[in-house]
Amino acid sequence: MAFTLTYRDGQSTNYDDSTKWEVDSGVVKLGPNEGDWTVFVSPSHWATLELDTGDDKKDSGKGAVR
């Protein structure tokens, strides 16, 4: 599922469906395969994670994790 990760400084990065992710105790884990994490983002460095569900009929189609 595509998503946007926004950092505390306001910078954001868009990821496509090929990037897998998980939030574990506030740490965002990213990688090419689920469980094969190559990037770890500390809870003090990220602000929101917005999911692009592709359902834009009623709203923007995004949900945020904070």
PDB file of N, CA and C in Angstrom:
ATOM      1  N   MET A   1       0.840  -1.171   0.000  1.00  0.00           N
ATOM      2  CA  MET A   1       0.000   0.000   0.000  1.00  0.00           C
ATOM      3  C   MET A   1       0.890   1.241   0.000  1.00  0.00           C
ATOM      4  N   ALA A   2       0.633   2.152  -0.893  1.00  0.00           N
ATOM      5  CA  ALA A   2       1.403   3.393  -0.986  1.00  0.00           C
ATOM      6  C   ALA A   2       1.159   4.243   0.255  1.00  0.00           C
ATOM      7  N   PHE A   3       2.191   5.001   0.635  1.00  0.00           N
ATOM      8  CA  PHE A   3       2.056   5.850   1.818  1.00  0.00           C
ATOM      9  C   PHE A   3       3.033   7.011   1.754  1.00  0.00           C
ATOM     10  N   THR A   4       2.790   8.013   2.601  1.00  0.00           N
ATOM     11  CA  THR A   4       3.654   9.178   2.740  1.00  0.00           C
ATOM     12  C   THR A   4       4.104   9.255   4.182  1.00  0.00           C
ATOM     13  N   LEU A   5       5.408   9.348   4.386  1.00  0.00           N
ATOM     14  CA  LEU A   5       5.984   9.482   5.718  1.00  0.00           C
ATOM     15  C   LEU A   5       6.455  10.920   5.877  1.00  0.00           C
ATOM     16  N   THR A   6       5.907  11.622   6.880  1.00  0.00           N
ATOM     17  CA  THR A   6       6.293  13.010   7.145  1.00  0.00           C
ATOM     18  C   THR A   6       7.126  13.051   8.414  1.00  0.00           C
ATOM     19  N   TYR A   7       8.255  13.717   8.303  1.00  0.00           N
ATOM     20  CA  TYR A   7       9.186  13.825   9.423  1.00  0.00           C
ATOM     21  C   TYR A   7       8.866  15.049  10.265  1.00  0.00           C
ATOM     22  N   ARG A   8       9.404  15.111  11.476  1.00  0.00           N
ATOM     23  CA  ARG A   8       9.152  16.216  12.404  1.00  0.00           C
ATOM     24  C   ARG A   8       9.524  17.574  11.819  1.00  0.00           C
ATOM     25  N   ASP A   9      10.528  17.622  10.935  1.00  0.00           N
ATOM     26  CA  ASP A   9      10.952  18.894  10.347  1.00  0.00           C
ATOM     27  C   ASP A   9      10.071  19.326   9.175  1.00  0.00           C
ATOM     28  N   GLY A  10       9.033  18.536   8.870  1.00  0.00           N
ATOM     29  CA  GLY A  10       8.098  18.878   7.805  1.00  0.00           C
ATOM     30  C   GLY A  10       8.405  18.238   6.465  1.00  0.00           C
ATOM     31  N   GLN A  11       9.581  17.663   6.309  1.00  0.00           N
ATOM     32  CA  GLN A  11       9.934  16.975   5.065  1.00  0.00           C
ATOM     33  C   GLN A  11       9.085  15.710   4.953  1.00  0.00           C
ATOM     34  N   SER A  12       8.652  15.390   3.749  1.00  0.00           N
ATOM     35  CA  SER A  12       7.877  14.166   3.565  1.00  0.00           C
ATOM     36  C   SER A  12       8.433  13.373   2.393  1.00  0.00           C
ATOM     37  N   THR A  13       8.246  12.071   2.455  1.00  0.00           N
ATOM     38  CA  THR A  13       8.693  11.159   1.417  1.00  0.00           C
ATOM     39  C   THR A  13       7.537  10.256   1.041  1.00  0.00           C
ATOM     40  N   ASN A  14       7.299  10.113  -0.261  1.00  0.00           N
ATOM     41  CA  ASN A  14       6.257   9.216  -0.759  1.00  0.00           C
ATOM     42  C   ASN A  14       6.867   7.867  -1.095  1.00  0.00           C
ATOM     43  N   TYR A  15       6.185   6.814  -0.713  1.00  0.00           N
ATOM     44  CA  TYR A  15       6.619   5.448  -1.006  1.00  0.00           C
ATOM     45  C   TYR A  15       5.521   4.753  -1.798  1.00  0.00           C
ATOM     46  N   ASP A  16       5.915   3.863  -2.701  1.00  0.00           N
ATOM     47  CA  ASP A  16       4.925   3.151  -3.493  1.00  0.00           C
ATOM     48  C   ASP A  16       4.585   1.806  -2.856  1.00  0.00           C
ATOM     49  N   ASP A  17       3.804   1.029  -3.566  1.00  0.00           N
ATOM     50  CA  ASP A  17       3.325  -0.253  -3.045  1.00  0.00           C
ATOM     51  C   ASP A  17       4.438  -1.271  -2.813  1.00  0.00           C
ATOM     52  N   SER A  18       5.601  -1.062  -3.413  1.00  0.00           N
ATOM     53  CA  SER A  18       6.668  -2.047  -3.266  1.00  0.00           C
ATOM     54  C   SER A  18       7.376  -1.967  -1.909  1.00  0.00           C
ATOM     55  N   THR A  19       7.221  -0.856  -1.204  1.00  0.00           N
ATOM     56  CA  THR A  19       7.854  -0.702   0.106  1.00  0.00           C
ATOM     57  C   THR A  19       6.912  -1.209   1.193  1.00  0.00           C
ATOM     58  N   LYS A  20       7.387  -2.135   1.980  1.00  0.00           N
ATOM     59  CA  LYS A  20       6.614  -2.657   3.106  1.00  0.00           C
ATOM     60  C   LYS A  20       6.981  -1.857   4.353  1.00  0.00           C
ATOM     61  N   TRP A  21       6.072  -1.771   5.299  1.00  0.00           N
ATOM     62  CA  TRP A  21       6.335  -0.997   6.500  1.00  0.00           C
ATOM     63  C   TRP A  21       5.606  -1.605   7.695  1.00  0.00           C
ATOM     64  N   GLU A  22       6.072  -1.185   8.874  1.00  0.00           N
ATOM     65  CA  GLU A  22       5.461  -1.632  10.126  1.00  0.00           C
ATOM     66  C   GLU A  22       5.832  -0.600  11.187  1.00  0.00           C
ATOM     67  N   VAL A  23       4.916  -0.331  12.113  1.00  0.00           N
ATOM     68  CA  VAL A  23       5.222   0.515  13.255  1.00  0.00           C
ATOM     69  C   VAL A  23       5.293  -0.399  14.471  1.00  0.00           C
ATOM     70  N   ASP A  24       6.435  -0.394  15.146  1.00  0.00           N
ATOM     71  CA  ASP A  24       6.663  -1.255  16.302  1.00  0.00           C
ATOM     72  C   ASP A  24       7.200  -0.402  17.448  1.00  0.00           C
ATOM     73  N   SER A  25       6.399  -0.211  18.475  1.00  0.00           N
ATOM     74  CA  SER A  25       6.773   0.625  19.629  1.00  0.00           C
ATOM     75  C   SER A  25       7.176   2.028  19.193  1.00  0.00           C
ATOM     76  N   GLY A  26       6.500   2.549  18.193  1.00  0.00           N
ATOM     77  CA  GLY A  26       6.760   3.896  17.709  1.00  0.00           C
ATOM     78  C   GLY A  26       7.828   3.984  16.637  1.00  0.00           C
ATOM     79  N   VAL A  27       8.572   2.921  16.409  1.00  0.00           N
ATOM     80  CA  VAL A  27       9.619   2.904  15.379  1.00  0.00           C
ATOM     81  C   VAL A  27       8.990   2.484  14.056  1.00  0.00           C
ATOM     82  N   VAL A  28       9.190   3.304  13.010  1.00  0.00           N
ATOM     83  CA  VAL A  28       8.719   2.938  11.674  1.00  0.00           C
ATOM     84  C   VAL A  28       9.813   2.101  11.031  1.00  0.00           C
ATOM     85  N   LYS A  29       9.450   0.899  10.613  1.00  0.00           N
ATOM     86  CA  LYS A  29      10.385  -0.008   9.953  1.00  0.00           C
ATOM     87  C   LYS A  29       9.988  -0.104   8.488  1.00  0.00           C
ATOM     88  N   LEU A  30      10.959   0.081   7.589  1.00  0.00           N
ATOM     89  CA  LEU A  30      10.714   0.043   6.142  1.00  0.00           C
ATOM     90  C   LEU A  30      11.631  -0.975   5.492  1.00  0.00           C
ATOM     91  N   GLY A  31      11.138  -1.618   4.432  1.00  0.00           N
ATOM     92  CA  GLY A  31      11.978  -2.560   3.706  1.00  0.00           C
ATOM     93  C   GLY A  31      11.304  -3.082   2.456  1.00  0.00           C
ATOM     94  N   PRO A  32      12.050  -3.843   1.658  1.00  0.00           N
ATOM     95  CA  PRO A  32      11.512  -4.379   0.408  1.00  0.00           C
ATOM     96  C   PRO A  32      10.525  -5.532   0.629  1.00  0.00           C
ATOM     97  N   ASN A  33      10.667  -6.213   1.768  1.00  0.00           N
ATOM     98  CA  ASN A  33       9.792  -7.336   2.105  1.00  0.00           C
ATOM     99  C   ASN A  33       9.414  -7.229   3.571  1.00  0.00           C
ATOM    100  N   GLU A  34       8.223  -7.690   3.889  1.00  0.00           N
ATOM    101  CA  GLU A  34       7.780  -7.676   5.275  1.00  0.00           C
ATOM    102  C   GLU A  34       8.727  -8.518   6.128  1.00  0.00           C
ATOM    103  N   GLY A  35       9.235  -7.921   7.202  1.00  0.00           N
ATOM    104  CA  GLY A  35      10.178  -8.611   8.073  1.00  0.00           C
ATOM    105  C   GLY A  35      11.632  -8.429   7.664  1.00  0.00           C
ATOM    106  N   ASP A  36      11.871  -7.903   6.466  1.00  0.00           N
ATOM    107  CA  ASP A  36      13.231  -7.658   5.960  1.00  0.00           C
ATOM    108  C   ASP A  36      13.476  -6.148   5.989  1.00  0.00           C
ATOM    109  N   TRP A  37      13.528  -5.577   7.189  1.00  0.00           N
ATOM    110  CA  TRP A  37      13.602  -4.132   7.373  1.00  0.00           C
ATOM    111  C   TRP A  37      15.010  -3.618   7.121  1.00  0.00           C
ATOM    112  N   THR A  38      15.107  -2.561   6.308  1.00  0.00           N
ATOM    113  CA  THR A  38      16.405  -1.971   5.994  1.00  0.00           C
ATOM    114  C   THR A  38      16.535  -0.547   6.531  1.00  0.00           C
ATOM    115  N   VAL A  39      15.403   0.077   6.865  1.00  0.00           N
ATOM    116  CA  VAL A  39      15.398   1.440   7.398  1.00  0.00           C
ATOM    117  C   VAL A  39      14.545   1.457   8.662  1.00  0.00           C
ATOM    118  N   PHE A  40      15.062   2.101   9.699  1.00  0.00           N
ATOM    119  CA  PHE A  40      14.352   2.267  10.965  1.00  0.00           C
ATOM    120  C   PHE A  40      14.278   3.755  11.274  1.00  0.00           C
ATOM    121  N   VAL A  41      13.067   4.275  11.519  1.00  0.00           N
ATOM    122  CA  VAL A  41      12.900   5.693  11.820  1.00  0.00           C
ATOM    123  C   VAL A  41      12.408   5.825  13.256  1.00  0.00           C
ATOM    124  N   SER A  42      13.196   6.505  14.072  1.00  0.00           N
ATOM    125  CA  SER A  42      12.908   6.704  15.490  1.00  0.00           C
ATOM    126  C   SER A  42      11.615   7.489  15.683  1.00  0.00           C
ATOM    127  N   PRO A  43      10.885   7.201  16.776  1.00  0.00           N
ATOM    128  CA  PRO A  43       9.655   7.946  17.059  1.00  0.00           C
ATOM    129  C   PRO A  43       9.889   9.457  17.184  1.00  0.00           C
ATOM    130  N   SER A  44      11.085   9.861  17.547  1.00  0.00           N
ATOM    131  CA  SER A  44      11.375  11.291  17.691  1.00  0.00           C
ATOM    132  C   SER A  44      11.653  11.963  16.347  1.00  0.00           C
ATOM    133  N   HIS A  45      11.725  11.193  15.267  1.00  0.00           N
ATOM    134  CA  HIS A  45      12.050  11.758  13.952  1.00  0.00           C
ATOM    135  C   HIS A  45      10.888  11.797  12.969  1.00  0.00           C
ATOM    136  N   TRP A  46       9.820  11.078  13.233  1.00  0.00           N
ATOM    137  CA  TRP A  46       8.707  11.118  12.297  1.00  0.00           C
ATOM    138  C   TRP A  46       7.451  11.671  12.965  1.00  0.00           C
ATOM    139  N   ALA A  47       6.585  12.294  12.160  1.00  0.00           N
ATOM    140  CA  ALA A  47       5.377  12.926  12.681  1.00  0.00           C
ATOM    141  C   ALA A  47       4.113  12.173  12.270  1.00  0.00           C
ATOM    142  N   THR A  48       3.977  11.877  10.976  1.00  0.00           N
ATOM    143  CA  THR A  48       2.786  11.167  10.500  1.00  0.00           C
ATOM    144  C   THR A  48       3.146  10.178   9.403  1.00  0.00           C
ATOM    145  N   LEU A  49       2.287   9.192   9.261  1.00  0.00           N
ATOM    146  CA  LEU A  49       2.372   8.220   8.181  1.00  0.00           C
ATOM    147  C   LEU A  49       0.976   8.174   7.576  1.00  0.00           C
ATOM    148  N   GLU A  50       0.838   8.656   6.342  1.00  0.00           N
ATOM    149  CA  GLU A  50      -0.460   8.715   5.679  1.00  0.00           C
ATOM    150  C   GLU A  50      -0.576   7.598   4.652  1.00  0.00           C
ATOM    151  N   LEU A  51      -1.632   6.810   4.777  1.00  0.00           N
ATOM    152  CA  LEU A  51      -1.862   5.698   3.865  1.00  0.00           C
ATOM    153  C   LEU A  51      -2.699   6.150   2.685  1.00  0.00           C
ATOM    154  N   ASP A  52      -2.319   5.718   1.499  1.00  0.00           N
ATOM    155  CA  ASP A  52      -3.101   5.981   0.298  1.00  0.00           C
ATOM    156  C   ASP A  52      -3.898   4.721   0.006  1.00  0.00           C
ATOM    157  N   THR A  53      -5.155   4.735   0.404  1.00  0.00           N
ATOM    158  CA  THR A  53      -5.988   3.548   0.249  1.00  0.00           C
ATOM    159  C   THR A  53      -6.557   3.402  -1.154  1.00  0.00           C
ATOM    160  N   GLY A  54      -6.465   4.480  -1.955  1.00  0.00           N
ATOM    161  CA  GLY A  54      -7.015   4.421  -3.300  1.00  0.00           C
ATOM    162  C   GLY A  54      -8.510   4.636  -3.336  1.00  0.00           C
ATOM    163  N   ASP A  55      -9.130   4.821  -2.185  1.00  0.00           N
ATOM    164  CA  ASP A  55     -10.574   5.039  -2.097  1.00  0.00           C
ATOM    165  C   ASP A  55     -10.814   6.526  -1.905  1.00  0.00           C
ATOM    166  N   ASP A  56     -10.975   7.248  -3.027  1.00  0.00           N
ATOM    167  CA  ASP A  56     -11.142   8.694  -2.932  1.00  0.00           C
ATOM    168  C   ASP A  56     -12.564   9.136  -3.242  1.00  0.00           C
ATOM    169  N   LYS A  57     -13.513   8.237  -3.114  1.00  0.00           N
ATOM    170  CA  LYS A  57     -14.902   8.568  -3.425  1.00  0.00           C
ATOM    171  C   LYS A  57     -15.517   9.502  -2.388  1.00  0.00           C
ATOM    172  N   LYS A  58     -15.254   9.259  -1.112  1.00  0.00           N
ATOM    173  CA  LYS A  58     -15.882  10.051  -0.048  1.00  0.00           C
ATOM    174  C   LYS A  58     -14.946  11.089   0.557  1.00  0.00           C
ATOM    175  N   ASP A  59     -13.637  10.795   0.571  1.00  0.00           N
ATOM    176  CA  ASP A  59     -12.682  11.731   1.158  1.00  0.00           C
ATOM    177  C   ASP A  59     -11.375  11.654   0.399  1.00  0.00           C
ATOM    178  N   SER A  60     -10.308  12.110   1.000  1.00  0.00           N
ATOM    179  CA  SER A  60      -9.024  12.151   0.310  1.00  0.00           C
ATOM    180  C   SER A  60      -8.415  10.774   0.111  1.00  0.00           C
ATOM    181  N   GLY A  61      -8.967   9.758   0.781  1.00  0.00           N
ATOM    182  CA  GLY A  61      -8.439   8.414   0.626  1.00  0.00           C
ATOM    183  C   GLY A  61      -7.204   8.165   1.466  1.00  0.00           C
ATOM    184  N   LYS A  62      -6.928   9.059   2.380  1.00  0.00           N
ATOM    185  CA  LYS A  62      -5.736   8.906   3.205  1.00  0.00           C
ATOM    186  C   LYS A  62      -6.125   8.820   4.678  1.00  0.00           C
ATOM    187  N   GLY A  63      -5.389   8.020   5.399  1.00  0.00           N
ATOM    188  CA  GLY A  63      -5.557   7.927   6.840  1.00  0.00           C
ATOM    189  C   GLY A  63      -4.212   8.159   7.466  1.00  0.00           C
ATOM    190  N   ALA A  64      -4.168   8.821   8.595  1.00  0.00           N
ATOM    191  CA  ALA A  64      -2.882   9.158   9.203  1.00  0.00           C
ATOM    192  C   ALA A  64      -2.649   8.360  10.478  1.00  0.00           C
ATOM    193  N   VAL A  65      -1.422   7.944  10.644  1.00  0.00           N
ATOM    194  CA  VAL A  65      -0.960   7.310  11.880  1.00  0.00           C
ATOM    195  C   VAL A  65      -0.048   8.328  12.518  1.00  0.00           C
ATOM    196  N   ARG A  66      -0.270   8.611  13.787  1.00  0.00           N
ATOM    197  CA  ARG A  66       0.581   9.583  14.489  1.00  0.00           C
ATOM    198  C   ARG A  66       1.199   8.944  15.683  1.00  0.00           C
TER     199      ARG A  66
END
